[in-house]
Amino acid sequence: MKKVLVVDDEPTLVATLKYNLEREGYQVITAADGESGLSAARANRPDLIVLDLLLPVIDGFEVCRILRREMTTPILMLTAKTDEVDKVVGLELGADDYVTKPFSMRELIARVRALLRRAQTGPAAETEVLTAGDLQVDLRRREASRGGKVLALKPKEYELLAFFLRNRGRAFSRDQLLNQIWGYDFVGDTRTVDVHIRWLRQEIEQEPAEPTRLITVRGVGYRFEG
């Protein structure tokens, strides 16, 4: 049974989420503020975290930042704000997807299923190591390094890098990258790709503002050279 941690300070919403997620067969753990949410995540090691951004004690942005340093658990943000900046900041901090309140329970359940499905690891027999210059991606360990130093990549950054190394020299549109990395059922826009590309460049490029590896192909999308 997959464990889902719900961190939100609205009791009615939490009760509704718990009821519907349990109906889908998930074990649900709840927390009403950021501090207890962090404790619950550390103690229970959930398979997925549903995280509100507007939390007491410690806000959701900081909770996301801390969690992402400690674990790769998929994070689905909940936000009452419609400001695109909040969504982008949340994604930059390492969240995997977002839902803006009010939302339909059917939509949220679909996103939970999609995130859990994409979080499943590949075949255990996969031992391939991808290299490009001083970059190395160990597919079995799900670990990337540069010059022998392990990179602190977020899950989607890692997946993007591995995908590009498998397909070096080939240009991909933002829509293609959304489908390949986030999945066809991801409900978002192509700016999500741009955010993660910018973040990944900070880890793998000597000069992120003038990339020589992860190249922008004008009118198309991105291509990896190496």
Protein backbone atom coordinates (compact mmCIF):
# COMPACT_ATOMS: atom_id res chain seq x y z
CA MET A 1 0.00 0.00 0.00
CA LYS A 2 1.46 3.34 -1.06
CA LYS A 3 1.76 5.98 1.66
CA VAL A 4 0.66 9.56 0.97
CA LEU A 5 1.47 12.40 3.37
CA VAL A 6 -0.98 15.34 3.24
CA VAL A 7 0.32 18.59 4.77
CA ASP A 8 -2.40 21.24 4.97
CA ASP A 9 -3.92 23.40 7.71
CA GLU A 10 -7.52 23.29 6.47
CA PRO A 11 -9.22 20.49 8.48
CA THR A 12 -12.15 20.08 6.09
CA LEU A 13 -9.89 19.78 3.07
CA VAL A 14 -7.57 17.37 4.86
CA ALA A 15 -10.50 15.17 5.86
CA THR A 16 -11.79 15.19 2.28
CA LEU A 17 -8.39 14.34 0.84
CA LYS A 18 -7.85 11.57 3.38
CA TYR A 19 -11.25 10.04 2.65
CA ASN A 20 -10.80 10.07 -1.13
CA LEU A 21 -7.19 8.90 -1.13
CA GLU A 22 -8.03 6.04 1.22
CA ARG A 23 -10.87 5.06 -1.10
CA GLU A 24 -8.24 4.74 -3.83
CA GLY A 25 -6.27 2.33 -1.65
CA TYR A 26 -3.60 4.66 -0.29
CA GLN A 27 -2.46 4.85 3.32
CA VAL A 28 -2.81 8.51 4.34
CA ILE A 29 -0.80 10.40 6.96
CA THR A 30 -1.69 14.00 7.76
CA ALA A 31 0.02 17.05 9.26
CA ALA A 32 -1.40 20.52 9.91
CA ASP A 33 1.73 22.69 9.73
CA GLY A 34 5.15 22.74 8.12
CA GLU A 35 7.09 21.61 11.16
CA SER A 36 4.93 18.56 11.82
CA GLY A 37 4.90 17.87 8.08
CA LEU A 38 8.69 17.62 8.06
CA SER A 39 8.62 15.33 11.08
CA ALA A 40 5.97 13.10 9.50
CA ALA A 41 7.93 12.88 6.23
CA ARG A 42 11.11 11.90 8.04
CA ALA A 43 9.39 9.37 10.29
CA ASN A 44 7.13 7.72 7.71
CA ARG A 45 9.10 8.04 4.44
CA PRO A 46 5.93 8.42 2.34
CA ASP A 47 5.74 7.51 -1.34
CA LEU A 48 4.25 10.92 -2.17
CA ILE A 49 3.69 14.23 -0.38
CA VAL A 50 0.73 16.55 -0.99
CA LEU A 51 2.00 19.90 0.30
CA ASP A 52 0.12 23.16 0.77
CA LEU A 53 2.23 26.29 0.27
CA LEU A 54 0.45 28.49 2.84
CA LEU A 55 1.28 26.68 6.07
CA PRO A 56 1.73 27.88 9.65
CA VAL A 57 5.05 27.59 11.54
CA ILE A 58 7.10 26.77 8.41
CA ASP A 59 5.66 27.66 5.01
CA GLY A 60 5.38 25.17 2.19
CA PHE A 61 8.21 26.70 0.17
CA GLU A 62 10.70 26.10 2.99
CA VAL A 63 9.29 22.64 3.68
CA CYS A 64 9.77 21.78 0.01
CA ARG A 65 13.33 23.11 0.05
CA ILE A 66 14.24 21.06 3.13
CA LEU A 67 12.55 17.88 1.94
CA ARG A 68 14.24 18.02 -1.42
CA ARG A 69 17.65 18.11 0.25
CA GLU A 70 16.77 14.97 2.23
CA MET A 71 14.69 12.79 -0.09
CA THR A 72 13.49 12.33 -3.67
CA THR A 73 9.86 11.67 -2.74
CA PRO A 74 7.48 13.20 -5.33
CA ILE A 75 5.87 16.44 -4.09
CA LEU A 76 2.50 17.70 -5.30
CA MET A 77 1.96 21.33 -4.32
CA LEU A 78 -1.40 22.75 -3.32
CA THR A 79 -1.81 26.49 -3.60
CA ALA A 80 -4.69 28.93 -3.32
CA LYS A 81 -2.73 31.46 -5.33
CA THR A 82 -3.04 31.87 -9.08
CA ASP A 83 0.22 33.81 -9.35
CA GLU A 84 2.46 31.99 -11.82
CA VAL A 85 5.53 33.08 -9.85
CA ASP A 86 4.50 30.91 -6.88
CA LYS A 87 4.15 27.87 -9.10
CA VAL A 88 7.52 28.45 -10.75
CA VAL A 89 9.23 29.01 -7.39
CA GLY A 90 7.71 25.79 -6.07
CA LEU A 91 8.95 23.86 -9.10
CA GLU A 92 12.39 25.42 -8.78
CA LEU A 93 12.52 24.27 -5.17
CA GLY A 94 11.94 20.72 -6.33
CA ALA A 95 8.17 20.13 -6.40
CA ASP A 96 7.09 17.78 -9.17
CA ASP A 97 3.61 19.11 -9.93
CA TYR A 98 1.02 21.56 -8.62
CA VAL A 99 -2.73 21.95 -8.22
CA THR A 100 -4.37 25.34 -7.75
CA LYS A 101 -7.27 25.55 -5.29
CA PRO A 102 -10.12 25.03 -5.79
CA PHE A 103 -9.51 21.77 -7.64
CA SER A 104 -11.56 18.72 -8.50
CA MET A 105 -10.81 15.60 -6.49
CA ARG A 106 -10.74 13.64 -9.74
CA GLU A 107 -7.93 15.85 -11.03
CA LEU A 108 -5.92 15.54 -7.83
CA ILE A 109 -6.25 11.75 -7.75
CA ALA A 110 -5.12 11.59 -11.39
CA ARG A 111 -2.05 13.65 -10.58
CA VAL A 112 -1.25 11.50 -7.55
CA ARG A 113 -1.47 8.36 -9.67
CA ALA A 114 0.72 9.88 -12.39
CA LEU A 115 3.42 11.00 -9.95
CA LEU A 116 3.52 7.62 -8.21
CA ARG A 117 3.66 5.83 -11.55
CA ARG A 118 6.56 7.96 -12.78
CA ALA A 119 8.40 7.55 -9.46
CA GLN A 120 8.67 3.81 -9.92
CA THR A 121 12.21 2.75 -10.68
CA GLY A 122 13.23 1.11 -13.90
CA PRO A 123 14.30 -2.54 -14.31
CA ALA A 124 16.70 -3.70 -11.62
CA ALA A 125 18.98 -5.16 -14.28
CA GLU A 126 19.77 -1.73 -15.70
CA THR A 127 23.40 -1.02 -14.82
CA GLU A 128 24.27 1.35 -17.65
CA VAL A 129 26.44 4.34 -16.89
CA LEU A 130 26.19 7.31 -19.25
CA THR A 131 29.14 9.66 -19.68
CA ALA A 132 29.78 12.95 -21.47
CA GLY A 133 33.14 14.50 -20.72
CA ASP A 134 33.36 14.95 -16.96
CA LEU A 135 29.63 14.20 -16.55
CA GLN A 136 28.52 10.75 -15.47
CA VAL A 137 25.04 9.36 -14.85
CA ASP A 138 24.71 6.05 -13.02
CA LEU A 139 21.25 4.82 -14.01
CA ARG A 140 21.07 2.08 -11.41
CA ARG A 141 22.03 4.36 -8.54
CA ARG A 142 20.05 7.25 -10.02
CA GLU A 143 23.08 9.42 -9.36
CA ALA A 144 24.81 12.06 -11.47
CA SER A 145 28.31 13.42 -10.96
CA ARG A 146 30.57 16.03 -12.52
CA GLY A 147 34.31 15.68 -12.25
CA GLY A 148 33.81 12.95 -9.66
CA LYS A 149 31.60 15.14 -7.44
CA VAL A 150 28.02 13.99 -6.93
CA LEU A 151 25.48 16.57 -8.13
CA ALA A 152 22.54 17.49 -5.90
CA LEU A 153 19.97 17.18 -8.68
CA LYS A 154 16.23 17.25 -8.17
CA PRO A 155 14.37 14.22 -9.57
CA LYS A 156 13.27 15.92 -12.78
CA GLU A 157 16.72 17.46 -13.31
CA TYR A 158 18.22 13.98 -13.06
CA GLU A 159 15.66 12.55 -15.49
CA LEU A 160 16.28 15.37 -17.97
CA LEU A 161 20.04 14.86 -17.83
CA ALA A 162 19.77 11.09 -18.30
CA PHE A 163 17.34 11.58 -21.19
CA PHE A 164 19.61 14.08 -22.94
CA LEU A 165 22.67 11.86 -22.49
CA ARG A 166 20.77 8.97 -24.05
CA ASN A 167 19.79 11.23 -26.95
CA ARG A 168 22.76 13.55 -27.32
CA GLY A 169 22.89 15.65 -30.48
CA ARG A 170 19.13 15.41 -31.01
CA ALA A 171 16.87 18.43 -30.57
CA PHE A 172 13.64 18.11 -28.59
CA SER A 173 10.75 20.53 -28.33
CA ARG A 174 9.43 21.60 -24.94
CA ASP A 175 6.25 19.58 -25.55
CA GLN A 176 8.31 16.48 -26.31
CA LEU A 177 10.30 16.95 -23.11
CA LEU A 178 7.09 17.42 -21.10
CA ASN A 179 5.77 14.13 -22.48
CA GLN A 180 9.03 12.25 -21.96
CA ILE A 181 9.90 13.48 -18.46
CA TRP A 182 6.65 14.61 -16.85
CA GLY A 183 4.35 12.25 -18.73
CA TYR A 184 1.54 12.79 -21.19
CA ASP A 185 -0.95 13.32 -18.36
CA PHE A 186 1.00 16.19 -16.78
CA VAL A 187 -1.24 19.26 -16.61
CA GLY A 188 1.14 22.17 -16.96
CA ASP A 189 2.82 24.38 -19.52
CA THR A 190 6.18 24.44 -21.25
CA ARG A 191 7.59 27.00 -18.82
CA THR A 192 8.05 24.06 -16.48
CA VAL A 193 10.67 22.72 -18.89
CA ASP A 194 12.47 26.07 -19.10
CA VAL A 195 12.67 26.30 -15.30
CA HIS A 196 14.27 22.87 -14.98
CA ILE A 197 16.62 23.43 -17.91
CA ARG A 198 17.85 26.65 -16.30
CA TRP A 199 18.36 24.86 -13.01
CA LEU A 200 20.16 21.91 -14.64
CA ARG A 201 22.51 24.27 -16.47
CA GLN A 202 23.61 25.68 -13.13
CA GLU A 203 24.87 22.22 -12.23
CA ILE A 204 26.49 21.04 -15.47
CA GLU A 205 27.67 24.18 -17.28
CA GLN A 206 30.86 26.10 -16.64
CA GLU A 207 28.99 29.30 -17.54
CA PRO A 208 25.22 28.70 -17.19
CA ALA A 209 24.43 31.97 -18.96
CA GLU A 210 26.48 30.81 -21.97
CA PRO A 211 25.82 27.07 -22.13
CA THR A 212 28.00 24.82 -24.26
CA ARG A 213 26.38 21.53 -23.35
CA LEU A 214 22.65 22.07 -22.99
CA ILE A 215 21.97 24.23 -26.03
CA THR A 216 18.84 26.21 -26.85
CA VAL A 217 17.71 25.46 -30.41
CA ARG A 218 15.87 28.57 -31.51
CA GLY A 219 12.30 27.85 -32.59
CA VAL A 220 12.56 24.21 -31.49
CA GLY A 221 13.66 23.57 -27.91
CA TYR A 222 16.87 22.09 -26.50
CA ARG A 223 19.73 19.83 -27.54
CA PHE A 224 22.58 18.25 -25.57
CA GLU A 225 26.09 18.44 -27.03
CA GLY A 226 28.86 16.34 -25.56
